[in-house]
Amino acid sequence: MIDWKTFLNASAFRLIDQSEPNSKFKALHSFAVDDALAISISNGISSPAARLWVHDRTIVLGIPDARLPYVKEGTDWLKEQGYDVVVRNSGGLAVVLDSGVLNISLLLADAKSVSISDGYEAMVSFIQAMFADLTNDIKAFEVAGSYCPGEYDLSINGRKFAGISQRRVKNGTAVQIYLCVEGDGQARAKLVRQFYAISLKGEKGKFTYPNVKPETMASLEQLLQTKITVQDVKDRLIETLNQLQVPITLDRLRDDEQDWYGQRLEQMKDRNRKVFDWFREEDY
């Protein structure tokens, strides 16, 4: 497995913290931000970056979810439960975001010379390093019965608490992970299970959707049996990045990145407008 320090080898690093929940900054915007940063890094304008983001009461769907036979009924139900719904532009299936879920994006250049598996493995080793003082039991394999299952699910004792996806834009790579830090992992899984039940109505659909078993999922605080918060994990991330021994600058989007962000946001809106008849641009 590739070491995260090798993968994140750079002379400087940016840290962009957008982890304070904001009703006007939605998951739709987050995916556009990652694209803008990937373009900036690809063009050699920006150094590699880490971005932290949190969105409360949000269901992020994958592209195959948008093809569910009764997706309108399913998303209507989610909205009735008080959740925002968005289709992302990276791989995977439905995941739950809320104030207890921290998303981390690691963004760097040289996508053409770095394999996709290297990106996944680097994120795995990075998360293992972040929690090395608490556990050495974090494993990466597909957890059957979890939502958004994948080869690089992260689990402790077979129960999943995180999933990883990748997005490549030009020569920039965004390796994204959602970490269920606080709260009830089973409750999140029950929500996704009900969404699929409503959206499939017993049919198979054109894709193999997960048979979600809530008992396969948990939060980090449940698995480690200790109080751990999103802020704790943010602190751990900074401590771990400091092992790189390079300057780390707390930053925000620059003017040229804002332009790319605007373009990518329009693409995200377009994607969601085509899927959801209830999508209203003024809400985003």
Protein backbone atom coordinates (compact mmCIF):
# COMPACT_ATOMS: atom_id res chain seq x y z
CA MET A 1 0.00 0.00 0.00
CA ILE A 2 1.32 3.43 -0.96
CA ASP A 3 2.33 5.63 1.95
CA TRP A 4 0.31 8.84 2.26
CA LYS A 5 3.48 10.92 2.74
CA THR A 6 4.78 9.75 -0.62
CA PHE A 7 1.44 10.51 -2.26
CA LEU A 8 1.22 14.01 -0.72
CA ASN A 9 4.84 14.89 -1.39
CA ALA A 10 4.93 18.67 -1.88
CA SER A 11 6.90 21.74 -0.84
CA ALA A 12 3.79 23.49 0.53
CA PHE A 13 0.19 22.66 1.35
CA ARG A 14 -3.08 24.59 1.53
CA LEU A 15 -5.79 23.87 4.10
CA ILE A 16 -9.28 25.05 3.21
CA ASP A 17 -11.74 24.62 6.06
CA GLN A 18 -15.39 24.81 5.03
CA SER A 19 -16.61 22.56 7.83
CA GLU A 20 -18.94 24.98 9.58
CA PRO A 21 -22.45 23.99 8.42
CA ASN A 22 -23.96 26.79 6.37
CA SER A 23 -27.48 26.65 4.97
CA LYS A 24 -26.37 28.69 1.94
CA PHE A 25 -23.34 26.47 1.20
CA LYS A 26 -24.64 23.10 0.10
CA ALA A 27 -23.06 19.85 -1.08
CA LEU A 28 -23.70 20.98 -4.65
CA HIS A 29 -21.27 23.83 -4.01
CA SER A 30 -18.69 21.56 -2.38
CA PHE A 31 -18.25 19.38 -5.44
CA ALA A 32 -17.79 22.52 -7.57
CA VAL A 33 -15.13 23.79 -5.12
CA ASP A 34 -13.17 20.55 -5.41
CA ASP A 35 -13.27 20.80 -9.21
CA ALA A 36 -12.03 24.40 -9.09
CA LEU A 37 -9.15 23.45 -6.81
CA ALA A 38 -8.25 20.45 -8.97
CA ILE A 39 -8.08 22.73 -12.04
CA SER A 40 -5.94 25.27 -10.17
CA ILE A 41 -3.55 22.58 -8.99
CA SER A 42 -3.48 20.99 -12.44
CA ASN A 43 -2.50 24.35 -13.97
CA GLY A 44 0.35 24.75 -11.50
CA ILE A 45 -1.26 27.81 -9.90
CA SER A 46 -1.98 26.19 -6.55
CA SER A 47 0.00 23.87 -4.32
CA PRO A 48 -1.71 20.62 -3.20
CA ALA A 49 -4.56 21.15 -0.76
CA ALA A 50 -6.72 19.52 1.86
CA ARG A 51 -10.31 20.67 2.17
CA LEU A 52 -12.67 19.98 5.08
CA TRP A 53 -16.41 20.16 4.54
CA VAL A 54 -19.61 19.39 6.46
CA HIS A 55 -23.19 19.59 5.21
CA ASP A 56 -26.10 18.98 7.55
CA ARG A 57 -29.08 16.75 6.65
CA THR A 58 -28.02 16.01 3.08
CA ILE A 59 -28.27 12.89 0.96
CA VAL A 60 -25.69 12.72 -1.81
CA LEU A 61 -26.69 10.37 -4.62
CA GLY A 62 -24.46 8.74 -7.20
CA ILE A 63 -25.21 8.85 -10.91
CA PRO A 64 -26.71 5.31 -10.88
CA ASP A 65 -29.13 6.39 -8.12
CA ALA A 66 -30.58 8.96 -10.50
CA ARG A 67 -31.67 6.00 -12.69
CA LEU A 68 -33.68 4.27 -9.99
CA PRO A 69 -37.15 3.40 -11.40
CA TYR A 70 -38.99 5.45 -8.77
CA VAL A 71 -36.29 7.96 -7.86
CA LYS A 72 -38.82 10.82 -7.72
CA GLU A 73 -40.83 9.06 -5.01
CA GLY A 74 -37.63 8.28 -3.13
CA THR A 75 -36.25 11.81 -3.25
CA ASP A 76 -39.67 13.27 -2.40
CA TRP A 77 -39.66 11.11 0.73
CA LEU A 78 -36.15 12.25 1.66
CA LYS A 79 -37.18 15.89 1.29
CA GLU A 80 -40.21 15.21 3.49
CA GLN A 81 -37.77 13.99 6.15
CA GLY A 82 -35.99 17.36 5.93
CA TYR A 83 -33.00 16.36 3.77
CA ASP A 84 -31.41 18.18 0.85
CA VAL A 85 -30.73 15.84 -2.08
CA VAL A 86 -27.98 16.24 -4.67
CA VAL A 87 -26.41 14.06 -7.38
CA ARG A 88 -22.61 14.29 -7.24
CA ASN A 89 -20.12 14.23 -10.09
CA SER A 90 -17.84 11.54 -8.62
CA GLY A 91 -18.34 7.79 -8.32
CA GLY A 92 -20.35 5.82 -5.83
CA LEU A 93 -23.92 5.59 -4.57
CA ALA A 94 -26.10 7.24 -1.93
CA VAL A 95 -24.45 8.49 1.28
CA VAL A 96 -25.74 10.45 4.26
CA LEU A 97 -24.15 13.72 5.34
CA ASP A 98 -24.98 15.54 8.55
CA SER A 99 -23.27 17.59 11.23
CA GLY A 100 -21.55 14.46 12.58
CA VAL A 101 -20.01 13.50 9.23
CA LEU A 102 -16.70 15.10 8.22
CA ASN A 103 -15.72 15.08 4.56
CA ILE A 104 -12.07 15.40 3.61
CA SER A 105 -10.76 16.10 0.11
CA LEU A 106 -7.08 15.64 -0.67
CA LEU A 107 -6.26 17.47 -3.90
CA LEU A 108 -3.06 17.19 -5.89
CA ALA A 109 -1.58 17.23 -9.40
CA ASP A 110 -0.06 14.56 -11.65
CA ALA A 111 -3.27 12.58 -12.03
CA LYS A 112 -1.91 11.03 -15.23
CA SER A 113 1.12 9.58 -13.45
CA VAL A 114 -0.68 8.39 -10.32
CA SER A 115 -2.94 5.35 -10.48
CA ILE A 116 -6.49 5.42 -9.14
CA SER A 117 -5.62 2.66 -6.69
CA ASP A 118 -2.70 4.75 -5.40
CA GLY A 119 -5.14 7.54 -4.58
CA TYR A 120 -7.40 5.20 -2.64
CA GLU A 121 -4.53 3.52 -0.81
CA ALA A 122 -2.98 6.86 0.15
CA MET A 123 -6.24 7.99 1.72
CA VAL A 124 -6.51 4.70 3.62
CA SER A 125 -2.99 5.07 5.04
CA PHE A 126 -3.65 8.74 5.86
CA ILE A 127 -6.76 7.89 7.91
CA GLN A 128 -4.93 5.02 9.62
CA ALA A 129 -2.17 7.48 10.58
CA MET A 130 -4.71 9.98 11.92
CA PHE A 131 -6.07 7.45 14.40
CA ALA A 132 -2.95 5.37 15.04
CA ASP A 133 -2.95 6.23 18.76
CA LEU A 134 -6.52 4.97 19.17
CA THR A 135 -6.63 1.85 17.03
CA ASN A 136 -4.66 -0.28 14.58
CA ASP A 137 -7.82 -2.09 13.48
CA ILE A 138 -8.87 0.18 10.60
CA LYS A 139 -9.16 -2.07 7.54
CA ALA A 140 -10.04 -1.42 3.90
CA PHE A 141 -12.35 -3.84 2.10
CA GLU A 142 -15.91 -3.84 0.77
CA VAL A 143 -18.37 -4.14 3.62
CA ALA A 144 -21.34 -6.09 2.28
CA GLY A 145 -24.62 -4.61 3.48
CA SER A 146 -23.28 -1.08 3.83
CA TYR A 147 -24.51 1.84 1.78
CA CYS A 148 -22.24 3.01 -1.06
CA PRO A 149 -20.16 -0.19 -0.81
CA GLY A 150 -16.71 -0.23 -2.37
CA GLU A 151 -13.35 -1.95 -2.28
CA TYR A 152 -11.93 0.80 -0.07
CA ASP A 153 -14.64 0.99 2.59
CA LEU A 154 -13.03 1.70 5.96
CA SER A 155 -14.19 -0.39 8.89
CA ILE A 156 -13.32 -1.49 12.39
CA ASN A 157 -14.26 -5.06 13.30
CA GLY A 158 -16.19 -5.31 10.04
CA ARG A 159 -18.44 -2.30 10.62
CA LYS A 160 -18.08 0.54 8.14
CA PHE A 161 -17.54 4.16 9.16
CA ALA A 162 -16.13 5.71 5.98
CA GLY A 163 -16.11 5.50 2.21
CA ILE A 164 -13.77 6.93 -0.43
CA SER A 165 -14.34 8.26 -3.94
CA GLN A 166 -12.17 10.00 -6.54
CA ARG A 167 -12.71 12.77 -9.01
CA ARG A 168 -10.16 13.63 -11.73
CA VAL A 169 -10.25 16.96 -13.54
CA LYS A 170 -7.60 17.63 -16.18
CA ASN A 171 -4.35 16.72 -14.40
CA GLY A 172 -5.76 17.25 -10.92
CA THR A 173 -7.08 14.62 -8.54
CA ALA A 174 -9.54 14.96 -5.68
CA VAL A 175 -9.58 11.97 -3.33
CA GLN A 176 -12.69 12.41 -1.19
CA ILE A 177 -13.71 10.58 1.98
CA TYR A 178 -16.75 10.84 4.22
CA LEU A 179 -16.07 9.96 7.85
CA CYS A 180 -19.03 9.14 10.08
CA VAL A 181 -17.51 10.61 13.23
CA GLU A 182 -20.38 11.23 15.63
CA GLY A 183 -23.93 9.96 15.98
CA ASP A 184 -25.67 6.74 15.03
CA GLY A 185 -24.34 4.94 11.98
CA GLN A 186 -27.24 2.48 11.93
CA ALA A 187 -29.78 5.30 11.85
CA ARG A 188 -28.08 6.74 8.78
CA ALA A 189 -28.12 3.32 7.13
CA LYS A 190 -31.84 2.86 7.87
CA LEU A 191 -32.54 6.13 6.07
CA VAL A 192 -30.71 4.96 2.94
CA ARG A 193 -32.36 1.52 3.12
CA GLN A 194 -35.80 3.16 3.14
CA PHE A 195 -34.84 5.42 0.24
CA TYR A 196 -33.96 2.38 -1.88
CA ALA A 197 -37.11 0.55 -0.82
CA ILE A 198 -39.25 3.46 -2.01
CA SER A 199 -37.19 4.07 -5.16
CA LEU A 200 -37.17 0.41 -6.25
CA LYS A 201 -40.56 -0.89 -5.05
CA GLY A 202 -39.30 -4.43 -5.32
CA GLU A 203 -37.90 -4.04 -8.83
CA LYS A 204 -34.26 -4.71 -9.67
CA GLY A 205 -33.53 -1.54 -11.63
CA LYS A 206 -30.79 -1.16 -14.26
CA PHE A 207 -27.99 -1.26 -11.67
CA THR A 208 -27.12 -3.48 -8.72
CA TYR A 209 -28.15 -1.39 -5.73
CA PRO A 210 -27.04 -2.34 -2.21
CA ASN A 211 -29.20 -4.37 0.12
CA VAL A 212 -28.49 -2.11 3.06
CA LYS A 213 -28.14 -3.83 6.43
CA PRO A 214 -27.92 -1.13 9.13
CA GLU A 215 -26.00 -3.34 11.55
CA THR A 216 -22.99 -3.22 9.19
CA MET A 217 -22.47 0.51 9.82
CA ALA A 218 -21.44 2.64 12.79
CA SER A 219 -19.79 5.94 13.65
CA LEU A 220 -16.23 6.27 14.89
CA GLU A 221 -17.39 7.22 18.38
CA GLN A 222 -19.51 4.05 18.48
CA LEU A 223 -16.68 1.85 17.21
CA LEU A 224 -13.99 3.34 19.42
CA GLN A 225 -16.37 3.58 22.38
CA THR A 226 -15.06 7.02 23.23
CA LYS A 227 -16.31 10.56 22.78
CA ILE A 228 -14.90 11.89 19.53
CA THR A 229 -16.13 14.95 17.65
CA VAL A 230 -15.74 16.43 14.20
CA GLN A 231 -13.49 19.09 15.75
CA ASP A 232 -11.30 16.35 17.26
CA VAL A 233 -10.86 14.81 13.82
CA LYS A 234 -10.05 18.18 12.25
CA ASP A 235 -7.33 18.65 14.87
CA ARG A 236 -5.98 15.19 14.14
CA LEU A 237 -5.87 15.93 10.42
CA ILE A 238 -3.77 19.04 10.98
CA GLU A 239 -1.43 17.17 13.34
CA THR A 240 -1.01 14.43 10.73
CA LEU A 241 -0.37 16.88 7.87
CA ASN A 242 2.29 18.55 10.01
CA GLN A 243 4.30 15.33 9.70
CA LEU A 244 5.02 16.42 6.13
CA GLN A 245 7.18 19.20 7.62
CA VAL A 246 6.23 21.71 4.93
CA PRO A 247 4.42 25.06 5.25
CA ILE A 248 0.64 24.62 5.62
CA THR A 249 -1.43 27.72 4.90
CA LEU A 250 -5.03 28.19 6.00
CA ASP A 251 -6.57 29.55 2.82
CA ARG A 252 -9.69 30.25 0.81
CA LEU A 253 -10.53 30.23 -2.91
CA ARG A 254 -8.58 32.77 -4.95
CA ASP A 255 -10.06 34.99 -7.66
CA ASP A 256 -9.19 32.70 -10.59
CA GLU A 257 -10.44 29.69 -8.61
CA GLN A 258 -13.70 31.54 -7.99
CA ASP A 259 -14.17 31.77 -11.76
CA TRP A 260 -13.64 28.03 -12.21
CA TYR A 261 -15.89 27.40 -9.22
CA GLY A 262 -18.69 29.38 -10.89
CA GLN A 263 -18.35 27.38 -14.10
CA ARG A 264 -18.32 24.04 -12.29
CA LEU A 265 -21.26 25.05 -10.11
CA GLU A 266 -23.31 25.69 -13.25
CA GLN A 267 -22.40 22.21 -14.47
CA MET A 268 -23.53 20.72 -11.15
CA LYS A 269 -26.81 22.65 -11.34
CA ASP A 270 -27.29 21.42 -14.89
CA ARG A 271 -26.73 17.82 -13.83
CA ASN A 272 -29.26 18.08 -11.02
CA ARG A 273 -31.78 20.05 -13.06
CA LYS A 274 -31.90 17.19 -15.56
CA VAL A 275 -32.58 14.64 -12.81
CA PHE A 276 -34.95 16.47 -10.48
CA ASP A 277 -38.05 18.29 -11.67
CA TRP A 278 -38.25 20.00 -8.27
CA PHE A 279 -34.75 21.50 -8.60
CA ARG A 280 -34.94 25.27 -8.24
CA GLU A 281 -31.87 27.32 -9.08
CA GLU A 282 -32.76 29.99 -6.53
CA ASP A 283 -32.33 27.37 -3.76
CA TYR A 284 -28.67 27.02 -4.74
